[in-house]
């Protein structure tokens, strides 16, 4: 019997303020982003159909992930900080002033290069992703598992699933509501 894990990214977050910011101001922006829910845009039909195939629903504890589960009309079997996004570090620079999305890219690259200032390091996040993958695998025997998670952490979990012998079946990008399906066993 094959087992299946679906890694789905949350819906589009409600973001207030996308004006240019300093690195110092990004700390507050990141905090607001981490507390944001999702916009009230309709859930894509493909996401609704895929989510309906899951027996076990798992969610990050982030408000945007929990709001996404609710938008799908589902209730999570369990919610855990284990599945939350890998945090972005911040810098105490007053210049330059950039868009939050440019800063997020720069900070993620710095984080991948070892800069973690007061947040979980890339190495620690990789260990957490490994634990998250193990947890998803352990409940996959109960039926198809859907994780409502986050872009970067889902990719880290996916790497561990692949290393553990799971096979990617489908992938529909990396945008909000995108999902990737992994199977183990009779594929």
N, C-alpha and C. Protein backbone atom coordinates (compact mmCIF):
# COMPACT_ATOMS: atom_id res chain seq x y z
N UNK A 1 0.84 -1.19 0.00
CA UNK A 1 0.00 0.00 0.00
C UNK A 1 0.88 1.25 0.00
N UNK A 2 0.56 2.20 -0.86
CA UNK A 2 1.36 3.42 -0.91
C UNK A 2 0.87 4.41 0.14
N UNK A 3 1.80 5.23 0.59
CA UNK A 3 1.49 6.30 1.52
C UNK A 3 1.70 7.62 0.80
N UNK A 4 0.96 8.64 1.21
CA UNK A 4 1.00 9.92 0.50
C UNK A 4 1.09 11.08 1.49
N UNK A 5 1.95 12.05 1.15
CA UNK A 5 2.07 13.29 1.91
C UNK A 5 1.95 14.46 0.93
N UNK A 6 1.08 15.39 1.26
CA UNK A 6 0.87 16.59 0.44
C UNK A 6 1.41 17.78 1.23
N UNK A 7 2.36 18.48 0.65
CA UNK A 7 2.90 19.70 1.26
C UNK A 7 2.28 20.88 0.53
N UNK A 8 1.41 21.63 1.21
CA UNK A 8 0.72 22.77 0.59
C UNK A 8 1.15 24.06 1.28
N UNK A 9 1.38 25.06 0.46
CA UNK A 9 1.73 26.38 1.00
C UNK A 9 0.42 27.12 1.33
N UNK A 10 0.46 27.91 2.38
CA UNK A 10 -0.70 28.70 2.82
C UNK A 10 -1.15 29.68 1.74
N UNK A 11 -2.34 30.24 1.94
CA UNK A 11 -2.87 31.28 1.06
C UNK A 11 -2.12 32.59 1.20
N UNK A 12 -2.45 33.55 0.35
CA UNK A 12 -1.76 34.83 0.34
C UNK A 12 -2.01 35.60 1.63
N UNK A 13 -0.95 35.97 2.34
CA UNK A 13 -1.10 36.70 3.60
C UNK A 13 -1.64 38.12 3.38
N UNK A 14 -2.35 38.60 4.37
CA UNK A 14 -2.75 40.02 4.39
C UNK A 14 -1.52 40.78 4.83
N UNK A 15 -1.02 41.62 3.97
CA UNK A 15 0.17 42.40 4.32
C UNK A 15 -0.17 43.87 4.33
N UNK A 16 0.12 44.51 5.43
CA UNK A 16 -0.07 45.94 5.52
C UNK A 16 1.27 46.61 5.33
N UNK A 17 1.31 47.54 4.43
CA UNK A 17 2.52 48.30 4.25
C UNK A 17 3.60 47.56 3.49
N UNK A 18 3.76 47.93 2.25
CA UNK A 18 4.84 47.35 1.45
C UNK A 18 5.77 48.46 0.97
N UNK A 19 5.76 49.59 1.70
CA UNK A 19 6.66 50.70 1.37
C UNK A 19 8.09 50.28 1.66
N UNK A 20 9.02 51.04 1.13
CA UNK A 20 10.44 50.74 1.37
C UNK A 20 10.77 50.93 2.84
N UNK A 21 11.59 50.00 3.34
CA UNK A 21 11.96 49.98 4.75
C UNK A 21 13.47 49.87 4.89
N UNK A 22 13.94 50.25 6.05
CA UNK A 22 15.34 49.99 6.38
C UNK A 22 15.43 48.57 6.91
N UNK A 23 16.63 48.07 7.03
CA UNK A 23 16.83 46.74 7.62
C UNK A 23 16.32 46.71 9.05
N UNK A 24 16.50 47.79 9.77
CA UNK A 24 16.04 47.90 11.16
C UNK A 24 14.52 47.80 11.24
N UNK A 25 13.82 48.42 10.30
CA UNK A 25 12.36 48.39 10.29
C UNK A 25 11.80 47.02 9.88
N UNK A 26 12.61 46.21 9.25
CA UNK A 26 12.16 44.89 8.83
C UNK A 26 11.79 43.99 10.01
N UNK A 27 12.41 44.22 11.16
CA UNK A 27 12.08 43.40 12.33
C UNK A 27 10.58 43.50 12.64
N UNK A 28 10.05 44.72 12.64
CA UNK A 28 8.63 44.91 12.89
C UNK A 28 7.77 44.35 11.77
N UNK A 29 8.22 44.52 10.53
CA UNK A 29 7.47 43.98 9.39
C UNK A 29 7.39 42.46 9.48
N UNK A 30 8.50 41.81 9.84
CA UNK A 30 8.51 40.35 9.97
C UNK A 30 7.54 39.92 11.07
N UNK A 31 7.53 40.64 12.19
CA UNK A 31 6.60 40.31 13.28
C UNK A 31 5.15 40.42 12.81
N UNK A 32 4.82 41.49 12.07
CA UNK A 32 3.45 41.65 11.55
C UNK A 32 3.12 40.56 10.55
N UNK A 33 4.08 40.20 9.70
CA UNK A 33 3.87 39.13 8.72
C UNK A 33 3.59 37.81 9.45
N UNK A 34 4.35 37.53 10.49
CA UNK A 34 4.17 36.28 11.23
C UNK A 34 2.81 36.20 11.92
N UNK A 35 2.18 37.34 12.18
CA UNK A 35 0.86 37.36 12.81
C UNK A 35 -0.28 37.51 11.80
N UNK A 36 0.05 37.64 10.53
CA UNK A 36 -0.99 37.90 9.52
C UNK A 36 -1.79 36.64 9.21
N UNK A 37 -3.06 36.89 8.86
CA UNK A 37 -3.90 35.81 8.34
C UNK A 37 -3.83 35.89 6.82
N UNK A 38 -4.83 35.38 6.13
CA UNK A 38 -4.78 35.40 4.66
C UNK A 38 -5.87 36.32 4.11
N UNK A 39 -5.70 36.72 2.86
CA UNK A 39 -6.70 37.54 2.19
C UNK A 39 -7.95 36.70 1.97
N UNK A 40 -9.03 37.35 1.64
CA UNK A 40 -10.30 36.65 1.43
C UNK A 40 -10.51 36.28 -0.04
N UNK A 41 -9.43 36.08 -0.77
CA UNK A 41 -9.55 35.63 -2.15
C UNK A 41 -9.99 34.17 -2.16
N UNK A 42 -10.72 33.76 -3.20
CA UNK A 42 -11.16 32.36 -3.25
C UNK A 42 -9.98 31.39 -3.32
N UNK A 43 -10.17 30.25 -2.67
CA UNK A 43 -9.16 29.19 -2.73
C UNK A 43 -9.23 28.56 -4.12
N UNK A 44 -8.09 28.34 -4.77
CA UNK A 44 -8.12 27.70 -6.09
C UNK A 44 -8.80 26.33 -6.02
N UNK A 45 -9.57 26.02 -7.07
CA UNK A 45 -10.27 24.73 -7.12
C UNK A 45 -9.32 23.55 -7.00
N UNK A 46 -8.15 23.64 -7.64
CA UNK A 46 -7.19 22.54 -7.58
C UNK A 46 -6.75 22.29 -6.14
N UNK A 47 -6.57 23.34 -5.36
CA UNK A 47 -6.17 23.20 -3.95
C UNK A 47 -7.30 22.56 -3.15
N UNK A 48 -8.53 22.98 -3.39
CA UNK A 48 -9.68 22.39 -2.70
C UNK A 48 -9.80 20.90 -3.00
N UNK A 49 -9.66 20.54 -4.29
CA UNK A 49 -9.77 19.12 -4.69
C UNK A 49 -8.67 18.29 -4.05
N UNK A 50 -7.44 18.79 -4.08
CA UNK A 50 -6.31 18.04 -3.52
C UNK A 50 -6.46 17.90 -2.01
N UNK A 51 -6.83 18.97 -1.34
CA UNK A 51 -6.99 18.92 0.12
C UNK A 51 -8.08 17.93 0.51
N UNK A 52 -9.11 17.80 -0.30
CA UNK A 52 -10.22 16.89 0.00
C UNK A 52 -9.79 15.42 -0.04
N UNK A 53 -8.63 15.13 -0.63
CA UNK A 53 -8.16 13.74 -0.69
C UNK A 53 -7.46 13.31 0.58
N UNK A 54 -7.16 14.27 1.45
CA UNK A 54 -6.38 13.97 2.66
C UNK A 54 -7.27 13.42 3.77
N UNK A 55 -6.71 12.48 4.50
CA UNK A 55 -7.36 11.90 5.68
C UNK A 55 -6.89 12.59 6.95
N UNK A 56 -5.60 12.94 6.99
CA UNK A 56 -5.00 13.58 8.16
C UNK A 56 -4.57 14.99 7.77
N UNK A 57 -5.08 15.98 8.51
CA UNK A 57 -4.75 17.38 8.24
C UNK A 57 -3.81 17.87 9.34
N UNK A 58 -2.68 18.43 8.91
CA UNK A 58 -1.66 18.93 9.82
C UNK A 58 -1.41 20.38 9.45
N UNK A 59 -1.15 21.22 10.44
CA UNK A 59 -0.91 22.63 10.16
C UNK A 59 0.20 23.19 11.02
N UNK A 60 0.89 24.14 10.44
CA UNK A 60 1.77 25.02 11.20
C UNK A 60 0.89 25.79 12.16
N UNK A 61 1.47 26.31 13.22
CA UNK A 61 0.70 27.11 14.18
C UNK A 61 0.62 28.58 13.78
N UNK A 62 1.20 28.96 12.66
CA UNK A 62 1.15 30.35 12.21
C UNK A 62 -0.27 30.71 11.79
N UNK A 63 -0.73 31.93 12.12
CA UNK A 63 -2.09 32.34 11.77
C UNK A 63 -2.42 32.18 10.28
N UNK A 64 -1.47 32.44 9.38
CA UNK A 64 -1.76 32.32 7.95
C UNK A 64 -1.99 30.87 7.54
N UNK A 65 -1.33 29.92 8.20
CA UNK A 65 -1.55 28.50 7.91
C UNK A 65 -2.89 28.05 8.48
N UNK A 66 -3.19 28.46 9.71
CA UNK A 66 -4.47 28.08 10.32
C UNK A 66 -5.65 28.68 9.56
N UNK A 67 -5.51 29.92 9.10
CA UNK A 67 -6.56 30.55 8.29
C UNK A 67 -6.73 29.81 6.97
N UNK A 68 -5.64 29.28 6.43
CA UNK A 68 -5.71 28.53 5.18
C UNK A 68 -6.45 27.21 5.37
N UNK A 69 -6.20 26.53 6.48
CA UNK A 69 -6.93 25.29 6.79
C UNK A 69 -8.42 25.60 6.86
N UNK A 70 -8.75 26.68 7.53
CA UNK A 70 -10.16 27.07 7.67
C UNK A 70 -10.77 27.41 6.30
N UNK A 71 -10.01 28.12 5.46
CA UNK A 71 -10.50 28.48 4.12
C UNK A 71 -10.78 27.24 3.27
N UNK A 72 -10.05 26.16 3.54
CA UNK A 72 -10.27 24.89 2.84
C UNK A 72 -11.47 24.13 3.42
N UNK A 73 -12.02 24.64 4.52
CA UNK A 73 -13.15 23.97 5.17
C UNK A 73 -12.74 22.74 5.95
N UNK A 74 -11.49 22.72 6.42
CA UNK A 74 -10.97 21.55 7.12
C UNK A 74 -10.64 21.89 8.58
N UNK A 75 -10.43 20.84 9.36
CA UNK A 75 -9.98 21.00 10.75
C UNK A 75 -8.72 20.16 10.91
N UNK A 76 -7.67 20.76 11.46
CA UNK A 76 -6.41 20.01 11.61
C UNK A 76 -6.50 18.95 12.71
N UNK A 77 -5.89 17.80 12.43
CA UNK A 77 -5.76 16.76 13.46
C UNK A 77 -4.74 17.21 14.49
N UNK A 78 -3.72 17.90 14.03
CA UNK A 78 -2.79 18.52 14.96
C UNK A 78 -2.13 19.74 14.35
N UNK A 79 -1.79 20.68 15.23
CA UNK A 79 -1.16 21.96 14.89
C UNK A 79 0.13 22.01 15.68
N UNK A 80 1.23 22.38 15.01
CA UNK A 80 2.50 22.35 15.71
C UNK A 80 3.44 23.42 15.17
N UNK A 81 4.14 24.08 16.07
CA UNK A 81 5.16 25.06 15.71
C UNK A 81 6.29 24.40 14.91
N UNK A 82 6.42 23.10 15.04
CA UNK A 82 7.42 22.33 14.29
C UNK A 82 7.36 22.63 12.79
N UNK A 83 6.15 22.91 12.28
CA UNK A 83 5.96 23.11 10.86
C UNK A 83 6.00 24.58 10.44
N UNK A 84 6.29 25.49 11.38
CA UNK A 84 6.35 26.92 11.07
C UNK A 84 7.52 27.25 10.14
N UNK A 85 7.40 28.39 9.49
CA UNK A 85 8.42 28.82 8.54
C UNK A 85 9.76 29.03 9.23
N UNK A 86 10.83 28.78 8.51
CA UNK A 86 12.17 29.11 8.98
C UNK A 86 12.23 30.63 9.09
N UNK A 87 12.58 31.12 10.25
CA UNK A 87 12.55 32.56 10.51
C UNK A 87 13.62 33.31 9.73
N UNK A 88 13.30 34.55 9.44
CA UNK A 88 14.28 35.44 8.83
C UNK A 88 15.03 36.20 9.92
N UNK A 89 16.33 36.33 9.78
CA UNK A 89 17.06 37.19 10.72
C UNK A 89 16.78 38.65 10.35
N UNK A 90 17.29 39.56 11.11
CA UNK A 90 17.16 40.96 10.74
C UNK A 90 18.50 41.64 10.97
N UNK A 91 18.60 42.80 10.40
CA UNK A 91 19.85 43.57 10.52
C UNK A 91 19.50 44.92 11.13
N UNK A 92 20.46 45.55 11.73
CA UNK A 92 20.23 46.84 12.39
C UNK A 92 20.79 47.99 11.53
N UNK A 93 20.43 47.95 10.26
CA UNK A 93 20.90 48.97 9.33
C UNK A 93 19.80 49.99 9.08
N UNK A 94 20.19 51.25 9.01
CA UNK A 94 19.23 52.31 8.67
C UNK A 94 19.15 52.51 7.17
N UNK A 95 20.16 52.10 6.47
CA UNK A 95 20.20 52.19 5.00
C UNK A 95 20.72 50.87 4.46
N UNK A 96 20.35 50.49 3.30
CA UNK A 96 19.45 51.14 2.35
C UNK A 96 17.99 50.91 2.72
N UNK A 97 17.10 51.60 2.04
CA UNK A 97 15.66 51.40 2.18
C UNK A 97 15.20 50.61 0.96
N UNK A 98 14.65 49.43 1.22
CA UNK A 98 14.25 48.52 0.15
C UNK A 98 12.84 48.00 0.41
N UNK A 99 12.24 47.39 -0.58
CA UNK A 99 10.92 46.78 -0.36
C UNK A 99 11.08 45.60 0.60
N UNK A 100 10.04 45.27 1.36
CA UNK A 100 10.13 44.13 2.27
C UNK A 100 10.47 42.82 1.54
N UNK A 101 10.02 42.71 0.31
CA UNK A 101 10.27 41.48 -0.45
C UNK A 101 11.73 41.38 -0.88
N UNK A 102 12.34 42.53 -1.20
CA UNK A 102 13.77 42.54 -1.50
C UNK A 102 14.57 42.21 -0.24
N UNK A 103 14.16 42.84 0.88
CA UNK A 103 14.83 42.53 2.14
C UNK A 103 14.69 41.04 2.48
N UNK A 104 13.50 40.48 2.30
CA UNK A 104 13.29 39.06 2.63
C UNK A 104 14.25 38.19 1.82
N UNK A 105 14.44 38.51 0.55
CA UNK A 105 15.37 37.75 -0.28
C UNK A 105 16.80 37.88 0.26
N UNK A 106 17.21 39.11 0.53
CA UNK A 106 18.58 39.35 1.05
C UNK A 106 18.78 38.64 2.39
N UNK A 107 17.81 38.77 3.28
CA UNK A 107 17.94 38.15 4.60
C UNK A 107 17.96 36.63 4.51
N UNK A 108 17.19 36.06 3.57
CA UNK A 108 17.19 34.60 3.41
C UNK A 108 18.56 34.14 2.91
N UNK A 109 19.14 34.87 1.97
CA UNK A 109 20.47 34.51 1.47
C UNK A 109 21.50 34.62 2.60
N UNK A 110 21.43 35.69 3.38
CA UNK A 110 22.34 35.84 4.52
C UNK A 110 22.16 34.68 5.50
N UNK A 111 20.90 34.31 5.75
CA UNK A 111 20.59 33.21 6.67
C UNK A 111 21.19 31.90 6.16
N UNK A 112 21.03 31.66 4.86
CA UNK A 112 21.60 30.43 4.27
C UNK A 112 23.13 30.42 4.35
N UNK A 113 23.72 31.61 4.40
CA UNK A 113 25.18 31.73 4.51
C UNK A 113 25.66 31.70 5.96
N UNK A 114 24.73 31.53 6.91
CA UNK A 114 25.14 31.40 8.30
C UNK A 114 24.76 32.53 9.22
N UNK A 115 24.22 33.62 8.71
CA UNK A 115 23.83 34.75 9.55
C UNK A 115 22.44 34.46 10.13
N UNK A 116 22.34 34.40 11.46
CA UNK A 116 21.06 34.04 12.07
C UNK A 116 20.61 35.01 13.17
N UNK A 117 21.32 36.00 13.49
CA UNK A 117 21.03 36.98 14.54
C UNK A 117 19.68 36.76 15.26
N UNK A 118 19.74 36.14 16.39
CA UNK A 118 18.59 35.95 17.29
C UNK A 118 17.46 35.08 16.73
N UNK A 119 17.70 34.35 15.65
CA UNK A 119 16.69 33.41 15.15
C UNK A 119 17.34 32.04 14.96
N UNK A 120 16.52 31.07 14.73
CA UNK A 120 16.99 29.70 14.48
C UNK A 120 17.95 29.69 13.28
N UNK A 121 19.06 29.01 13.42
CA UNK A 121 20.04 28.93 12.33
C UNK A 121 19.53 28.01 11.22
N UNK A 122 20.16 28.10 10.07
CA UNK A 122 19.80 27.22 8.95
C UNK A 122 20.02 25.76 9.34
N UNK A 123 21.09 25.47 10.06
CA UNK A 123 21.36 24.10 10.48
C UNK A 123 20.28 23.60 11.43
N UNK A 124 19.86 24.44 12.37
CA UNK A 124 18.79 24.05 13.30
C UNK A 124 17.47 23.87 12.57
N UNK A 125 17.19 24.73 11.59
CA UNK A 125 15.95 24.61 10.81
C UNK A 125 15.96 23.31 9.99
N UNK A 126 17.13 22.93 9.50
CA UNK A 126 17.24 21.67 8.75
C UNK A 126 16.93 20.48 9.67
N UNK A 127 17.42 20.52 10.89
CA UNK A 127 17.11 19.46 11.86
C UNK A 127 15.61 19.45 12.18
N UNK A 128 15.03 20.63 12.32
CA UNK A 128 13.59 20.71 12.59
C UNK A 128 12.80 20.16 11.41
N UNK A 129 13.24 20.47 10.19
CA UNK A 129 12.56 19.95 9.00
C UNK A 129 12.65 18.42 8.95
N UNK A 130 13.76 17.88 9.37
CA UNK A 130 13.93 16.42 9.42
C UNK A 130 12.94 15.81 10.42
N UNK A 131 12.81 16.44 11.58
CA UNK A 131 11.86 15.97 12.59
C UNK A 131 10.43 16.09 12.07
N UNK A 132 10.14 17.20 11.38
CA UNK A 132 8.81 17.41 10.80
C UNK A 132 8.49 16.33 9.77
N UNK A 133 9.47 16.01 8.92
CA UNK A 133 9.27 14.97 7.91
C UNK A 133 9.00 13.62 8.58
N UNK A 134 9.74 13.31 9.63
CA UNK A 134 9.53 12.05 10.36
C UNK A 134 8.12 12.00 10.95
N UNK A 135 7.67 13.13 11.48
CA UNK A 135 6.32 13.16 12.07
C UNK A 135 5.26 12.94 10.99
N UNK A 136 5.41 13.59 9.84
CA UNK A 136 4.46 13.40 8.74
C UNK A 136 4.46 11.95 8.27
N UNK A 137 5.65 11.37 8.17
CA UNK A 137 5.76 9.98 7.73
C UNK A 137 5.08 9.03 8.72
N UNK A 138 5.17 9.35 10.00
CA UNK A 138 4.59 8.46 11.01
C UNK A 138 3.07 8.46 10.95
N UNK A 139 2.45 9.57 10.55
CA UNK A 139 0.99 9.59 10.47
C UNK A 139 0.47 9.21 9.08
N UNK A 140 1.37 9.09 8.10
CA UNK A 140 0.95 8.76 6.74
C UNK A 140 0.35 7.35 6.64
N UNK A 141 0.62 6.50 7.61
CA UNK A 141 0.02 5.16 7.59
C UNK A 141 -1.48 5.22 7.86
N UNK A 142 -1.97 6.34 8.40
CA UNK A 142 -3.39 6.52 8.67
C UNK A 142 -4.16 6.95 7.43
N UNK A 143 -3.46 7.32 6.38
CA UNK A 143 -4.08 7.79 5.14
C UNK A 143 -3.32 8.99 4.63
N UNK A 144 -3.73 9.53 3.48
CA UNK A 144 -3.03 10.69 2.91
C UNK A 144 -2.98 11.85 3.91
N UNK A 145 -1.81 12.46 4.01
CA UNK A 145 -1.57 13.56 4.96
C UNK A 145 -1.44 14.85 4.17
N UNK A 146 -2.12 15.90 4.66
CA UNK A 146 -1.97 17.24 4.10
C UNK A 146 -1.33 18.12 5.16
N UNK A 147 -0.20 18.73 4.81
CA UNK A 147 0.43 19.74 5.68
C UNK A 147 0.17 21.10 5.08
N UNK A 148 -0.47 21.98 5.85
CA UNK A 148 -0.60 23.39 5.48
C UNK A 148 0.57 24.09 6.12
N UNK A 149 1.57 24.41 5.32
CA UNK A 149 2.80 24.97 5.85
C UNK A 149 3.25 26.19 5.08
N UNK A 150 4.55 26.28 4.88
CA UNK A 150 5.18 27.49 4.37
C UNK A 150 6.19 27.14 3.28
N UNK A 151 6.43 28.10 2.41
CA UNK A 151 7.28 27.88 1.26
C UNK A 151 8.64 27.29 1.56
N UNK A 152 9.43 27.97 2.38
CA UNK A 152 10.79 27.52 2.60
C UNK A 152 10.85 26.26 3.45
N UNK A 153 10.07 26.21 4.52
CA UNK A 153 10.09 25.02 5.38
C UNK A 153 9.55 23.81 4.61
N UNK A 154 8.52 24.00 3.79
CA UNK A 154 8.02 22.87 2.99
C UNK A 154 9.12 22.32 2.09
N UNK A 155 9.92 23.20 1.50
CA UNK A 155 11.02 22.73 0.64
C UNK A 155 12.05 21.95 1.46
N UNK A 156 12.31 22.39 2.68
CA UNK A 156 13.26 21.67 3.53
C UNK A 156 12.70 20.31 3.94
N UNK A 157 11.42 20.25 4.24
CA UNK A 157 10.78 18.97 4.57
C UNK A 157 10.81 18.06 3.35
N UNK A 158 10.55 18.61 2.18
CA UNK A 158 10.56 17.83 0.94
C UNK A 158 11.92 17.18 0.70
N UNK A 159 12.99 17.91 0.96
CA UNK A 159 14.34 17.34 0.78
C UNK A 159 14.51 16.11 1.66
N UNK A 160 14.01 16.19 2.89
CA UNK A 160 14.13 15.05 3.80
C UNK A 160 13.25 13.88 3.33
N UNK A 161 12.05 14.17 2.85
CA UNK A 161 11.19 13.10 2.32
C UNK A 161 11.89 12.38 1.16
N UNK A 162 12.47 13.15 0.26
CA UNK A 162 13.18 12.55 -0.88
C UNK A 162 14.35 11.70 -0.39
N UNK A 163 15.09 12.20 0.60
CA UNK A 163 16.21 11.44 1.15
C UNK A 163 15.74 10.15 1.81
N UNK A 164 14.51 10.15 2.30
CA UNK A 164 13.95 8.96 2.95
C UNK A 164 13.26 8.02 1.97
N UNK A 165 13.38 8.30 0.67
CA UNK A 165 12.85 7.39 -0.34
C UNK A 165 11.48 7.73 -0.89
N UNK A 166 10.88 8.83 -0.47
CA UNK A 166 9.61 9.25 -1.02
C UNK A 166 9.85 9.79 -2.43
N UNK A 167 8.84 9.67 -3.27
CA UNK A 167 8.95 10.09 -4.67
C UNK A 167 7.97 11.23 -4.93
N UNK A 168 8.48 12.29 -5.53
CA UNK A 168 7.59 13.41 -5.88
C UNK A 168 6.71 12.99 -7.04
N UNK A 169 5.40 13.14 -6.86
CA UNK A 169 4.43 12.76 -7.88
C UNK A 169 4.01 13.97 -8.72
N UNK A 170 3.60 15.02 -8.05
CA UNK A 170 3.16 16.24 -8.75
C UNK A 170 3.67 17.45 -7.99
N UNK A 171 3.84 18.52 -8.74
CA UNK A 171 4.25 19.80 -8.14
C UNK A 171 3.63 20.89 -8.98
N UNK A 172 3.00 21.86 -8.34
CA UNK A 172 2.37 22.94 -9.11
C UNK A 172 2.93 24.32 -8.78
N UNK A 173 4.23 24.38 -8.58
CA UNK A 173 4.89 25.66 -8.39
C UNK A 173 5.20 25.97 -6.94
N UNK A 174 5.45 27.26 -6.67
CA UNK A 174 5.82 27.68 -5.33
C UNK A 174 5.01 28.90 -4.87
N UNK A 175 3.93 29.17 -5.57
CA UNK A 175 3.07 30.30 -5.20
C UNK A 175 2.19 29.94 -4.02
N UNK A 176 1.42 30.92 -3.56
CA UNK A 176 0.45 30.65 -2.50
C UNK A 176 -0.53 29.59 -2.98
N UNK A 177 -0.91 28.69 -2.11
CA UNK A 177 -1.79 27.55 -2.35
C UNK A 177 -1.16 26.46 -3.20
N UNK A 178 0.10 26.61 -3.60
CA UNK A 178 0.74 25.55 -4.39
C UNK A 178 0.95 24.32 -3.52
N UNK A 179 1.06 23.17 -4.17
CA UNK A 179 1.22 21.92 -3.42
C UNK A 179 2.11 20.96 -4.20
N UNK A 180 2.76 20.10 -3.44
CA UNK A 180 3.57 19.02 -4.00
C UNK A 180 3.15 17.74 -3.30
N UNK A 181 2.98 16.68 -4.08
CA UNK A 181 2.53 15.39 -3.56
C UNK A 181 3.70 14.41 -3.61
N UNK A 182 3.92 13.72 -2.49
CA UNK A 182 4.96 12.70 -2.38
C UNK A 182 4.32 11.37 -2.04
N UNK A 183 4.89 10.29 -2.61
CA UNK A 183 4.39 8.94 -2.30
C UNK A 183 5.54 8.02 -1.95
N UNK A 184 5.21 7.03 -1.12
CA UNK A 184 6.14 5.98 -0.74
C UNK A 184 5.41 4.67 -0.87
N UNK A 185 6.03 3.71 -1.49
CA UNK A 185 5.40 2.38 -1.64
C UNK A 185 4.96 2.17 -3.06
N UNK A 186 3.85 1.46 -3.25
CA UNK A 186 3.34 1.15 -4.59
C UNK A 186 2.85 2.43 -5.24
N UNK A 187 3.70 3.04 -6.04
CA UNK A 187 3.34 4.34 -6.64
C UNK A 187 2.52 4.21 -7.89
